């Protein structure tokens, strides 16, 4: 992911309803962490993911997670 906030140090905790979501990967969205279509062609495409049931998730903000878009603690965050 090209424009992640590696200085953030914390994932984005959010409760999501069932549905399909698109994680912004370019950093241009006004609706971060979600894509709003602000990206330019060739600038990276959003990361599509689905939530099957309402739950709290932790969205990676450092870009190091191997389970994108979700945080897996790679950066040292203790979930």
Protein backbone atom coordinates (compact mmCIF):
# COMPACT_ATOMS: atom_id res chain seq x y z
CA UNK A 1 0.00 0.00 0.00
CA UNK A 2 1.61 3.18 -1.13
CA UNK A 3 0.31 5.92 1.15
CA UNK A 4 -0.09 4.28 4.52
CA UNK A 5 0.69 6.21 7.68
CA UNK A 6 3.71 4.37 9.05
CA UNK A 7 4.00 6.91 11.87
CA UNK A 8 0.46 6.20 13.11
CA UNK A 9 1.46 3.17 15.12
CA UNK A 10 -2.12 2.12 15.66
CA UNK A 11 -4.68 0.34 13.53
CA UNK A 12 -8.05 1.95 12.82
CA UNK A 13 -10.67 0.27 15.03
CA UNK A 14 -14.12 0.36 13.46
CA UNK A 15 -17.35 -1.63 13.69
CA UNK A 16 -18.64 -2.59 10.26
CA UNK A 17 -21.97 -3.92 9.09
CA UNK A 18 -22.11 -6.84 6.65
CA UNK A 19 -21.21 -5.75 3.14
CA UNK A 20 -18.47 -5.04 0.64
CA UNK A 21 -15.92 -2.33 1.40
CA UNK A 22 -13.03 -0.77 -0.50
CA UNK A 23 -9.90 0.26 1.44
CA UNK A 24 -8.18 3.32 -0.04
CA UNK A 25 -4.60 2.58 -1.10
CA UNK A 26 -3.69 5.93 -2.69
CA UNK A 27 -4.31 8.28 0.25
CA UNK A 28 -6.45 10.74 -1.76
CA UNK A 29 -9.83 9.73 -0.32
CA UNK A 30 -11.76 12.23 1.78
CA UNK A 31 -13.39 9.21 3.47
CA UNK A 32 -10.30 7.37 4.78
CA UNK A 33 -9.79 4.52 5.37
CA UNK A 34 -12.32 3.86 2.62
CA UNK A 35 -12.07 4.70 -1.09
CA UNK A 36 -14.24 7.51 -2.41
CA UNK A 37 -13.03 7.28 -6.03
CA UNK A 38 -10.56 10.17 -5.71
CA UNK A 39 -7.63 8.14 -7.07
CA UNK A 40 -6.20 8.82 -10.50
CA UNK A 41 -5.76 6.08 -13.13
CA UNK A 42 -2.56 4.13 -12.52
CA UNK A 43 -2.28 5.38 -8.96
CA UNK A 44 -3.28 2.10 -7.36
CA UNK A 45 -6.65 0.59 -6.95
CA UNK A 46 -8.68 0.16 -3.79
CA UNK A 47 -8.49 -3.08 -1.84
CA UNK A 48 -11.87 -4.84 -1.86
CA UNK A 49 -12.95 -6.80 1.22
CA UNK A 50 -16.15 -8.28 2.58
CA UNK A 51 -17.61 -8.42 6.05
CA UNK A 52 -20.03 -11.33 6.58
CA UNK A 53 -21.44 -10.28 9.97
CA UNK A 54 -21.40 -7.08 12.01
CA UNK A 55 -18.12 -6.92 13.91
CA UNK A 56 -15.33 -4.70 15.13
CA UNK A 57 -12.28 -4.86 12.87
CA UNK A 58 -8.82 -3.32 13.00
CA UNK A 59 -7.79 -1.77 9.69
CA UNK A 60 -4.01 -1.63 9.13
CA UNK A 61 -2.63 1.91 9.06
CA UNK A 62 1.09 1.11 8.72
CA UNK A 63 1.04 -1.00 5.54
CA UNK A 64 3.10 -3.84 7.03
CA UNK A 65 0.31 -6.34 7.71
CA UNK A 66 0.29 -9.59 5.77
CA UNK A 67 -3.51 -9.73 6.18
CA UNK A 68 -4.45 -6.48 4.41
CA UNK A 69 -6.65 -4.60 4.95
CA UNK A 70 -6.64 -5.93 8.50
CA UNK A 71 -3.96 -5.41 11.14
CA UNK A 72 -2.05 -8.56 12.11
CA UNK A 73 0.24 -6.91 14.68
CA UNK A 74 3.35 -7.03 12.44
CA UNK A 75 4.26 -3.48 13.41
CA UNK A 76 4.26 -4.41 17.08
CA UNK A 77 0.74 -3.27 17.96
CA UNK A 78 -0.80 -5.50 20.60
CA UNK A 79 -4.42 -6.20 19.64
